[in-house]
Amino acid sequence: SDEDRRDMAALFSRDDLTFVSFNGLDFDYPILCAALDGWEERSLKELANTIITEGLRQWQTMDRFKITQYEIDIVDLMEVAPGVKVSLKRYMGRMGYKTMMDMPFDHDHDLTDPDDLSTTRKYCFNDCGGTLALFRQLKEQMELRVQLSEEHGIDLRSKSDAQIAEAILRKRLGIIGKQN
């Protein structure tokens, strides 16, 4: 509804909130922006399925589907987390997180049964807990990224170490172009 969209827009435009995610820049951000654009639930579901099946990056999704880019302060831990990029579940396992929960149905399953909705809610809250635990584990890395972001005037909070070096060099050399 228009009221829900207004409430969501107000929440995501707050200056005092930073949203922390895992794979949020490539998945959550485009979905949120499409929702703010007024996309209906079925269209959002189809967009999510396309992002998953085609492995689209944020800029590909935004360009292809002509989605408005909203200013949402979102940090993505996916590149910050050490080692070979793996799933949030794998990081949760490495941290010894108290519960592990895989999505009990395929990503293109329609949630029509109330039990499916309840299960999905539990799954999402469990992932939120795992994301928070990972964020806390990455406290020093995140503090460094905030410091470097302030020092260089570019947002480096969601970047890997190598991406940080590249972004700083690109800025110093005046190279413009799409960056991760």
N, C-alpha and C. Protein backbone atom coordinates (compact mmCIF):
# COMPACT_ATOMS: atom_id res chain seq x y z
N SER A 1 0.84 -1.18 0.00
CA SER A 1 0.00 0.00 0.00
C SER A 1 0.89 1.25 0.00
N ASP A 2 0.30 2.36 -0.35
CA ASP A 2 1.04 3.62 -0.35
C ASP A 2 1.54 3.97 1.04
N GLU A 3 0.72 3.67 2.05
CA GLU A 3 1.13 3.96 3.43
C GLU A 3 2.34 3.11 3.83
N ASP A 4 2.32 1.82 3.47
CA ASP A 4 3.46 0.95 3.76
C ASP A 4 4.73 1.46 3.08
N ARG A 5 4.59 1.88 1.81
CA ARG A 5 5.73 2.41 1.07
C ARG A 5 6.28 3.67 1.73
N ARG A 6 5.38 4.55 2.18
CA ARG A 6 5.82 5.77 2.87
C ARG A 6 6.55 5.43 4.17
N ASP A 7 6.00 4.47 4.92
CA ASP A 7 6.66 4.06 6.17
C ASP A 7 8.03 3.46 5.90
N MET A 8 8.10 2.63 4.85
CA MET A 8 9.37 2.00 4.49
C MET A 8 10.37 3.06 4.03
N ALA A 9 9.93 4.00 3.23
CA ALA A 9 10.81 5.07 2.75
C ALA A 9 11.32 5.90 3.93
N ALA A 10 10.46 6.18 4.89
CA ALA A 10 10.87 6.95 6.07
C ALA A 10 11.92 6.18 6.88
N LEU A 11 11.71 4.89 7.02
CA LEU A 11 12.66 4.07 7.77
C LEU A 11 14.03 4.05 7.08
N PHE A 12 14.04 3.81 5.78
CA PHE A 12 15.31 3.68 5.06
C PHE A 12 16.00 5.00 4.81
N SER A 13 15.32 6.12 5.01
CA SER A 13 15.95 7.42 4.80
C SER A 13 16.49 8.03 6.09
N ARG A 14 16.32 7.33 7.20
CA ARG A 14 16.80 7.87 8.48
C ARG A 14 18.32 7.97 8.49
N ASP A 15 18.82 9.11 8.95
CA ASP A 15 20.26 9.33 9.02
C ASP A 15 20.91 8.62 10.19
N ASP A 16 20.12 8.21 11.16
CA ASP A 16 20.68 7.60 12.36
C ASP A 16 20.72 6.08 12.30
N LEU A 17 20.39 5.50 11.15
CA LEU A 17 20.38 4.04 11.01
C LEU A 17 21.29 3.59 9.87
N THR A 18 22.03 2.54 10.14
CA THR A 18 22.79 1.86 9.10
C THR A 18 22.29 0.42 9.08
N PHE A 19 21.92 -0.06 7.91
CA PHE A 19 21.42 -1.42 7.77
C PHE A 19 22.59 -2.33 7.39
N VAL A 20 22.73 -3.40 8.13
CA VAL A 20 23.83 -4.34 7.92
C VAL A 20 23.25 -5.60 7.29
N SER A 21 23.92 -6.10 6.26
CA SER A 21 23.40 -7.24 5.51
C SER A 21 24.52 -8.18 5.11
N PHE A 22 24.12 -9.30 4.55
CA PHE A 22 25.06 -10.21 3.91
C PHE A 22 24.51 -10.45 2.51
N ASN A 23 25.22 -10.01 1.50
CA ASN A 23 24.79 -9.99 0.11
C ASN A 23 23.66 -8.98 -0.10
N GLY A 24 23.60 -8.00 0.76
CA GLY A 24 22.53 -7.00 0.70
C GLY A 24 22.64 -6.04 -0.45
N LEU A 25 23.84 -5.75 -0.92
CA LEU A 25 23.96 -4.80 -2.02
C LEU A 25 23.46 -5.41 -3.33
N ASP A 26 23.74 -6.68 -3.55
CA ASP A 26 23.31 -7.31 -4.80
C ASP A 26 21.88 -7.84 -4.75
N PHE A 27 21.39 -8.19 -3.55
CA PHE A 27 20.05 -8.77 -3.47
C PHE A 27 19.05 -7.85 -2.76
N ASP A 28 19.29 -7.57 -1.50
CA ASP A 28 18.31 -6.82 -0.70
C ASP A 28 18.07 -5.40 -1.24
N TYR A 29 19.15 -4.70 -1.57
CA TYR A 29 19.02 -3.32 -2.03
C TYR A 29 18.12 -3.19 -3.27
N PRO A 30 18.36 -3.96 -4.34
CA PRO A 30 17.45 -3.84 -5.49
C PRO A 30 15.99 -4.19 -5.16
N ILE A 31 15.79 -5.19 -4.30
CA ILE A 31 14.42 -5.56 -3.92
C ILE A 31 13.77 -4.41 -3.14
N LEU A 32 14.50 -3.83 -2.19
CA LEU A 32 13.97 -2.70 -1.42
C LEU A 32 13.64 -1.53 -2.33
N CYS A 33 14.53 -1.21 -3.24
CA CYS A 33 14.30 -0.09 -4.15
C CYS A 33 13.08 -0.34 -5.05
N ALA A 34 12.96 -1.56 -5.54
CA ALA A 34 11.79 -1.90 -6.37
C ALA A 34 10.50 -1.78 -5.54
N ALA A 35 10.55 -2.21 -4.29
CA ALA A 35 9.38 -2.07 -3.42
C ALA A 35 9.05 -0.60 -3.20
N LEU A 36 10.08 0.23 -3.01
CA LEU A 36 9.85 1.67 -2.86
C LEU A 36 9.30 2.29 -4.14
N ASP A 37 9.65 1.70 -5.28
CA ASP A 37 9.10 2.14 -6.56
C ASP A 37 7.64 1.73 -6.75
N GLY A 38 7.15 0.88 -5.84
CA GLY A 38 5.74 0.48 -5.91
C GLY A 38 5.48 -0.85 -6.59
N TRP A 39 6.51 -1.66 -6.78
CA TRP A 39 6.31 -2.97 -7.39
C TRP A 39 5.40 -3.81 -6.51
N GLU A 40 4.54 -4.58 -7.13
CA GLU A 40 3.64 -5.48 -6.43
C GLU A 40 4.40 -6.73 -5.98
N GLU A 41 3.81 -7.47 -5.03
CA GLU A 41 4.47 -8.64 -4.45
C GLU A 41 4.90 -9.66 -5.49
N ARG A 42 4.05 -9.98 -6.45
CA ARG A 42 4.38 -10.98 -7.48
C ARG A 42 5.59 -10.53 -8.29
N SER A 43 5.64 -9.25 -8.64
CA SER A 43 6.76 -8.72 -9.41
C SER A 43 8.05 -8.73 -8.59
N LEU A 44 7.94 -8.44 -7.30
CA LEU A 44 9.12 -8.50 -6.42
C LEU A 44 9.64 -9.93 -6.34
N LYS A 45 8.74 -10.89 -6.25
CA LYS A 45 9.13 -12.30 -6.19
C LYS A 45 9.84 -12.71 -7.49
N GLU A 46 9.31 -12.28 -8.62
CA GLU A 46 9.94 -12.60 -9.90
C GLU A 46 11.31 -11.94 -10.01
N LEU A 47 11.43 -10.71 -9.51
CA LEU A 47 12.73 -10.04 -9.50
C LEU A 47 13.73 -10.80 -8.64
N ALA A 48 13.30 -11.21 -7.45
CA ALA A 48 14.18 -11.99 -6.56
C ALA A 48 14.63 -13.27 -7.24
N ASN A 49 13.71 -13.97 -7.88
CA ASN A 49 14.06 -15.22 -8.57
C ASN A 49 15.08 -14.96 -9.68
N THR A 50 14.91 -13.86 -10.42
CA THR A 50 15.83 -13.53 -11.50
C THR A 50 17.22 -13.22 -10.95
N ILE A 51 17.28 -12.44 -9.88
CA ILE A 51 18.58 -12.12 -9.27
C ILE A 51 19.29 -13.40 -8.85
N ILE A 52 18.54 -14.31 -8.23
CA ILE A 52 19.13 -15.56 -7.75
C ILE A 52 19.57 -16.45 -8.91
N THR A 53 18.68 -16.70 -9.86
CA THR A 53 19.00 -17.65 -10.93
C THR A 53 20.06 -17.13 -11.89
N GLU A 54 20.10 -15.81 -12.12
CA GLU A 54 21.07 -15.25 -13.06
C GLU A 54 22.31 -14.70 -12.37
N GLY A 55 22.30 -14.69 -11.05
CA GLY A 55 23.46 -14.18 -10.31
C GLY A 55 23.77 -12.73 -10.62
N LEU A 56 22.73 -11.92 -10.74
CA LEU A 56 22.92 -10.52 -11.13
C LEU A 56 23.59 -9.71 -10.04
N ARG A 57 24.43 -8.79 -10.44
CA ARG A 57 25.02 -7.82 -9.53
C ARG A 57 24.06 -6.63 -9.43
N GLN A 58 24.25 -5.83 -8.42
CA GLN A 58 23.34 -4.70 -8.17
C GLN A 58 23.15 -3.82 -9.40
N TRP A 59 24.24 -3.38 -10.00
CA TRP A 59 24.14 -2.45 -11.12
C TRP A 59 23.43 -3.09 -12.31
N GLN A 60 23.62 -4.40 -12.50
CA GLN A 60 22.94 -5.10 -13.60
C GLN A 60 21.43 -5.10 -13.36
N THR A 61 21.04 -5.40 -12.12
CA THR A 61 19.62 -5.44 -11.78
C THR A 61 18.99 -4.06 -11.92
N MET A 62 19.65 -3.06 -11.37
CA MET A 62 19.10 -1.70 -11.39
C MET A 62 18.95 -1.20 -12.83
N ASP A 63 19.97 -1.44 -13.66
CA ASP A 63 19.92 -0.99 -15.06
C ASP A 63 18.88 -1.76 -15.86
N ARG A 64 18.91 -3.06 -15.75
CA ARG A 64 18.04 -3.91 -16.56
C ARG A 64 16.56 -3.66 -16.28
N PHE A 65 16.22 -3.49 -14.99
CA PHE A 65 14.81 -3.34 -14.62
C PHE A 65 14.40 -1.89 -14.37
N LYS A 66 15.32 -0.96 -14.65
CA LYS A 66 15.04 0.48 -14.51
C LYS A 66 14.50 0.82 -13.13
N ILE A 67 15.20 0.33 -12.10
CA ILE A 67 14.79 0.55 -10.72
C ILE A 67 15.46 1.83 -10.21
N THR A 68 14.70 2.65 -9.54
CA THR A 68 15.21 3.88 -8.96
C THR A 68 16.21 3.55 -7.85
N GLN A 69 17.32 4.26 -7.82
CA GLN A 69 18.29 4.07 -6.74
C GLN A 69 17.96 5.04 -5.62
N TYR A 70 17.68 4.49 -4.46
CA TYR A 70 17.38 5.28 -3.28
C TYR A 70 18.60 5.31 -2.38
N GLU A 71 18.74 6.40 -1.64
CA GLU A 71 19.86 6.49 -0.70
C GLU A 71 19.48 5.75 0.57
N ILE A 72 20.03 4.56 0.70
CA ILE A 72 19.82 3.72 1.88
C ILE A 72 21.21 3.41 2.42
N ASP A 73 21.43 3.72 3.68
CA ASP A 73 22.73 3.45 4.29
C ASP A 73 22.79 1.96 4.63
N ILE A 74 23.40 1.21 3.72
CA ILE A 74 23.46 -0.25 3.88
C ILE A 74 24.90 -0.71 3.76
N VAL A 75 25.30 -1.57 4.68
CA VAL A 75 26.63 -2.16 4.67
C VAL A 75 26.46 -3.65 4.37
N ASP A 76 27.29 -4.14 3.47
CA ASP A 76 27.25 -5.54 3.07
C ASP A 76 28.51 -6.24 3.59
N LEU A 77 28.34 -7.24 4.42
CA LEU A 77 29.47 -7.94 5.02
C LEU A 77 30.10 -8.98 4.10
N MET A 78 29.47 -9.27 2.98
CA MET A 78 29.92 -10.37 2.13
C MET A 78 31.38 -10.23 1.70
N GLU A 79 31.78 -9.06 1.28
CA GLU A 79 33.16 -8.85 0.82
C GLU A 79 34.11 -8.63 2.00
N VAL A 80 33.59 -8.16 3.12
CA VAL A 80 34.42 -7.86 4.28
C VAL A 80 34.87 -9.15 4.97
N ALA A 81 33.99 -10.14 5.00
CA ALA A 81 34.29 -11.41 5.67
C ALA A 81 35.51 -12.07 5.03
N PRO A 82 36.39 -12.63 5.84
CA PRO A 82 37.65 -13.16 5.34
C PRO A 82 37.50 -14.46 4.54
N GLY A 83 38.51 -14.70 3.70
CA GLY A 83 38.59 -15.96 2.97
C GLY A 83 37.78 -15.98 1.69
N VAL A 84 37.72 -17.17 1.12
CA VAL A 84 36.95 -17.38 -0.09
C VAL A 84 35.49 -17.09 0.21
N LYS A 85 34.85 -16.40 -0.70
CA LYS A 85 33.46 -16.01 -0.47
C LYS A 85 32.56 -17.24 -0.40
N VAL A 86 31.89 -17.36 0.72
CA VAL A 86 30.98 -18.48 0.95
C VAL A 86 29.66 -17.93 1.47
N SER A 87 28.73 -18.81 1.73
CA SER A 87 27.41 -18.41 2.18
C SER A 87 27.42 -17.93 3.64
N LEU A 88 26.40 -17.22 3.99
CA LEU A 88 26.23 -16.80 5.39
C LEU A 88 26.18 -18.02 6.28
N LYS A 89 25.53 -19.09 5.84
CA LYS A 89 25.45 -20.32 6.65
C LYS A 89 26.83 -20.87 6.97
N ARG A 90 27.73 -20.83 6.01
CA ARG A 90 29.08 -21.33 6.23
C ARG A 90 29.78 -20.48 7.29
N TYR A 91 29.63 -19.17 7.20
CA TYR A 91 30.22 -18.30 8.23
C TYR A 91 29.59 -18.57 9.59
N MET A 92 28.28 -18.78 9.61
CA MET A 92 27.60 -19.09 10.87
C MET A 92 28.17 -20.37 11.47
N GLY A 93 28.41 -21.37 10.64
CA GLY A 93 29.01 -22.62 11.11
C GLY A 93 30.41 -22.40 11.66
N ARG A 94 31.20 -21.62 10.96
CA ARG A 94 32.57 -21.34 11.42
C ARG A 94 32.58 -20.61 12.76
N MET A 95 31.55 -19.78 12.98
CA MET A 95 31.47 -19.03 14.24
C MET A 95 30.85 -19.86 15.35
N GLY A 96 30.33 -21.04 15.01
CA GLY A 96 29.64 -21.85 16.01
C GLY A 96 28.31 -21.25 16.41
N TYR A 97 27.63 -20.64 15.45
CA TYR A 97 26.36 -20.00 15.74
C TYR A 97 25.36 -21.05 16.26
N LYS A 98 24.52 -20.67 17.19
CA LYS A 98 23.67 -21.61 17.94
C LYS A 98 22.67 -22.38 17.08
N THR A 99 22.17 -21.79 16.01
CA THR A 99 21.21 -22.50 15.16
C THR A 99 21.58 -22.32 13.69
N MET A 100 21.42 -23.36 12.95
CA MET A 100 21.65 -23.32 11.51
C MET A 100 20.34 -23.71 10.85
N MET A 101 19.94 -22.93 9.89
CA MET A 101 18.65 -23.20 9.26
C MET A 101 18.75 -22.89 7.77
N ASP A 102 18.57 -23.89 6.95
CA ASP A 102 18.49 -23.67 5.51
C ASP A 102 17.05 -23.38 5.15
N MET A 103 16.87 -22.63 4.07
CA MET A 103 15.52 -22.37 3.59
C MET A 103 14.90 -23.72 3.23
N PRO A 104 13.75 -24.03 3.81
CA PRO A 104 13.17 -25.36 3.63
C PRO A 104 12.49 -25.59 2.28
N PHE A 105 12.43 -24.55 1.45
CA PHE A 105 11.85 -24.73 0.12
C PHE A 105 12.69 -23.98 -0.90
N ASP A 106 12.49 -24.30 -2.15
CA ASP A 106 13.23 -23.68 -3.23
C ASP A 106 12.87 -22.20 -3.31
N HIS A 107 13.80 -21.40 -3.85
CA HIS A 107 13.59 -19.95 -3.91
C HIS A 107 12.37 -19.55 -4.74
N ASP A 108 11.93 -20.39 -5.65
CA ASP A 108 10.78 -20.00 -6.46
C ASP A 108 9.45 -20.56 -5.94
N HIS A 109 9.48 -21.16 -4.76
CA HIS A 109 8.27 -21.68 -4.11
C HIS A 109 7.37 -20.52 -3.69
N ASP A 110 6.09 -20.60 -4.01
CA ASP A 110 5.13 -19.58 -3.58
C ASP A 110 4.69 -19.87 -2.15
N LEU A 111 4.74 -18.86 -1.31
CA LEU A 111 4.36 -19.00 0.09
C LEU A 111 2.86 -18.75 0.24
N THR A 112 2.11 -19.80 0.14
CA THR A 112 0.66 -19.68 0.25
C THR A 112 0.12 -20.29 1.54
N ASP A 113 0.85 -21.22 2.09
CA ASP A 113 0.45 -21.90 3.32
C ASP A 113 0.92 -21.06 4.52
N PRO A 114 0.05 -20.81 5.50
CA PRO A 114 0.48 -20.05 6.69
C PRO A 114 1.69 -20.66 7.39
N ASP A 115 1.83 -21.99 7.35
CA ASP A 115 3.01 -22.63 7.95
C ASP A 115 4.28 -22.24 7.19
N ASP A 116 4.18 -22.08 5.87
CA ASP A 116 5.32 -21.64 5.08
C ASP A 116 5.76 -20.24 5.51
N LEU A 117 4.81 -19.37 5.77
CA LEU A 117 5.12 -18.01 6.19
C LEU A 117 5.81 -18.01 7.56
N SER A 118 5.33 -18.83 8.45
CA SER A 118 5.92 -18.94 9.78
C SER A 118 7.35 -19.48 9.69
N THR A 119 7.54 -20.50 8.87
CA THR A 119 8.87 -21.09 8.68
C THR A 119 9.82 -20.07 8.07
N THR A 120 9.33 -19.31 7.09
CA THR A 120 10.15 -18.29 6.44
C THR A 120 10.54 -17.20 7.43
N ARG A 121 9.62 -16.80 8.26
CA ARG A 121 9.90 -15.79 9.28
C ARG A 121 11.02 -16.28 10.22
N LYS A 122 10.92 -17.52 10.67
CA LYS A 122 11.97 -18.09 11.54
C LYS A 122 13.31 -18.12 10.82
N TYR A 123 13.29 -18.53 9.57
CA TYR A 123 14.51 -18.58 8.76
C TYR A 123 15.14 -17.18 8.66
N CYS A 124 14.32 -16.19 8.35
CA CYS A 124 14.83 -14.82 8.19
C CYS A 124 15.40 -14.27 9.50
N PHE A 125 14.69 -14.49 10.60
CA PHE A 125 15.20 -14.02 11.89
C PHE A 125 16.49 -14.73 12.27
N ASN A 126 16.60 -16.00 11.95
CA ASN A 126 17.83 -16.74 12.21
C ASN A 126 18.99 -16.14 11.40
N ASP A 127 18.74 -15.83 10.12
CA ASP A 127 19.76 -15.19 9.29
C ASP A 127 20.14 -13.82 9.83
N CYS A 128 19.16 -13.08 10.34
CA CYS A 128 19.45 -11.77 10.94
C CYS A 128 20.39 -11.94 12.14
N GLY A 129 20.13 -12.94 12.95
CA GLY A 129 21.01 -13.23 14.09
C GLY A 129 22.41 -13.60 13.65
N GLY A 130 22.51 -14.41 12.59
CA GLY A 130 23.81 -14.80 12.06
C GLY A 130 24.56 -13.61 11.48
N THR A 131 23.84 -12.71 10.82
CA THR A 131 24.45 -11.50 10.26
C THR A 131 24.97 -10.61 11.38
N LEU A 132 24.19 -10.46 12.44
CA LEU A 132 24.63 -9.66 13.59
C LEU A 132 25.89 -10.28 14.23
N ALA A 133 25.90 -11.59 14.38
CA ALA A 133 27.07 -12.26 14.95
C ALA A 133 28.30 -12.05 14.08
N LEU A 134 28.14 -12.14 12.77
CA LEU A 134 29.26 -11.91 11.85
C LEU A 134 29.72 -10.46 11.93
N PHE A 135 28.78 -9.52 12.00
CA PHE A 135 29.11 -8.11 12.13
C PHE A 135 29.94 -7.87 13.39
N ARG A 136 29.53 -8.47 14.47
CA ARG A 136 30.28 -8.32 15.73
C ARG A 136 31.68 -8.93 15.61
N GLN A 137 31.79 -10.04 14.91
CA GLN A 137 33.09 -10.68 14.72
C GLN A 137 34.01 -9.82 13.85
N LEU A 138 33.42 -9.06 12.96
CA LEU A 138 34.19 -8.22 12.03
C LEU A 138 34.35 -6.78 12.54
N LYS A 139 34.17 -6.58 13.83
CA LYS A 139 34.18 -5.23 14.43
C LYS A 139 35.44 -4.44 14.05
N GLU A 140 36.61 -5.03 14.21
CA GLU A 140 37.85 -4.32 13.90
C GLU A 140 37.94 -3.97 12.42
N GLN A 141 37.58 -4.92 11.55
CA GLN A 141 37.62 -4.67 10.11
C GLN A 141 36.65 -3.54 9.73
N MET A 142 35.48 -3.54 10.37
CA MET A 142 34.49 -2.51 10.07
C MET A 142 34.96 -1.14 10.57
N GLU A 143 35.55 -1.10 11.75
CA GLU A 143 36.06 0.17 12.27
C GLU A 143 37.13 0.75 11.34
N LEU A 144 38.01 -0.11 10.84
CA LEU A 144 39.04 0.34 9.90
C LEU A 144 38.40 0.88 8.62
N ARG A 145 37.38 0.21 8.12
CA ARG A 145 36.72 0.66 6.90
C ARG A 145 36.02 2.01 7.10
N VAL A 146 35.42 2.20 8.25
CA VAL A 146 34.79 3.49 8.55
C VAL A 146 35.86 4.58 8.58
N GLN A 147 36.97 4.30 9.24
CA GLN A 147 38.07 5.28 9.33
C GLN A 147 38.60 5.61 7.93
N LEU A 148 38.85 4.60 7.12
CA LEU A 148 39.35 4.83 5.76
C LEU A 148 38.33 5.55 4.89
N SER A 149 37.06 5.26 5.09
CA SER A 149 36.00 5.94 4.34
C SER A 149 36.02 7.43 4.64
N GLU A 150 36.13 7.77 5.92
CA GLU A 150 36.18 9.18 6.31
C GLU A 150 37.44 9.86 5.78
N GLU A 151 38.55 9.16 5.86
CA GLU A 151 39.84 9.71 5.42
C GLU A 151 39.86 9.98 3.92
N HIS A 152 39.25 9.10 3.12
CA HIS A 152 39.33 9.22 1.66
C HIS A 152 38.06 9.75 1.01
N GLY A 153 37.02 9.95 1.80
CA GLY A 153 35.79 10.53 1.25
C GLY A 153 35.03 9.61 0.32
N ILE A 154 35.20 8.30 0.48
CA ILE A 154 34.45 7.32 -0.30
C ILE A 154 34.00 6.20 0.63
N ASP A 155 32.88 5.61 0.32
CA ASP A 155 32.33 4.55 1.18
C ASP A 155 33.05 3.24 0.91
N LEU A 156 33.84 2.80 1.87
CA LEU A 156 34.62 1.57 1.74
C LEU A 156 34.13 0.48 2.68
N ARG A 157 33.01 0.71 3.35
CA ARG A 157 32.55 -0.20 4.39
C ARG A 157 32.18 -1.59 3.89
N SER A 158 31.78 -1.72 2.64
CA SER A 158 31.35 -3.02 2.11
C SER A 158 32.38 -3.65 1.19
N LYS A 159 33.60 -3.19 1.25
CA LYS A 159 34.62 -3.67 0.31
C LYS A 159 35.64 -4.60 0.98
N SER A 160 36.15 -5.51 0.17
CA SER A 160 37.25 -6.38 0.62
C SER A 160 38.52 -5.53 0.70
N ASP A 161 39.57 -6.09 1.27
CA ASP A 161 40.83 -5.36 1.37
C ASP A 161 41.33 -4.95 -0.02
N ALA A 162 41.30 -5.86 -0.97
CA ALA A 162 41.77 -5.56 -2.33
C ALA A 162 40.89 -4.49 -2.99
N GLN A 163 39.59 -4.56 -2.77
CA GLN A 163 38.68 -3.56 -3.34
C GLN A 163 38.93 -2.18 -2.73
N ILE A 164 39.29 -2.15 -1.44
CA ILE A 164 39.61 -0.87 -0.80
C ILE A 164 40.83 -0.25 -1.48
N ALA A 165 41.86 -1.05 -1.65
CA ALA A 165 43.08 -0.54 -2.30
C ALA A 165 42.76 -0.03 -3.70
N GLU A 166 41.98 -0.78 -4.45
CA GLU A 166 41.62 -0.36 -5.80
C GLU A 166 40.83 0.94 -5.78
N ALA A 167 39.85 1.06 -4.89
CA ALA A 167 39.01 2.27 -4.82
C ALA A 167 39.84 3.50 -4.46
N ILE A 168 40.75 3.34 -3.53
CA ILE A 168 41.60 4.47 -3.12
C ILE A 168 42.52 4.87 -4.28
N LEU A 169 43.11 3.89 -4.96
CA LEU A 169 43.98 4.20 -6.11
C LEU A 169 43.18 4.87 -7.23
N ARG A 170 41.99 4.36 -7.50
CA ARG A 170 41.15 4.94 -8.55
C ARG A 170 40.82 6.39 -8.22
N LYS A 171 40.52 6.65 -6.96
CA LYS A 171 40.19 8.02 -6.56
C LYS A 171 41.42 8.91 -6.71
N ARG A 172 42.55 8.45 -6.24
CA ARG A 172 43.78 9.27 -6.33
C ARG A 172 44.20 9.52 -7.77
N LEU A 173 43.94 8.55 -8.64
CA LEU A 173 44.31 8.70 -10.05
C LEU A 173 43.22 9.39 -10.87
N GLY A 174 42.06 9.62 -10.24
CA GLY A 174 40.96 10.28 -10.94
C GLY A 174 40.28 9.39 -11.96
N ILE A 175 40.33 8.08 -11.75
CA ILE A 175 39.71 7.13 -12.68
C ILE A 175 38.24 6.97 -12.30
N ILE A 176 37.38 7.20 -13.26
CA ILE A 176 35.94 7.08 -13.02
C ILE A 176 35.42 5.85 -13.72
N GLY A 177 34.49 5.18 -13.10
CA GLY A 177 33.88 3.99 -13.70
C GLY A 177 33.15 3.21 -12.65
N LYS A 178 32.45 2.20 -13.11
CA LYS A 178 31.69 1.34 -12.16
C LYS A 178 32.65 0.58 -11.30
N GLN A 179 32.39 0.62 -10.00
CA GLN A 179 33.18 -0.13 -9.04
C GLN A 179 32.27 -1.10 -8.33
N ASN A 180 32.83 -2.13 -7.71
CA ASN A 180 32.04 -3.09 -6.93
C ASN A 180 31.35 -2.40 -5.81
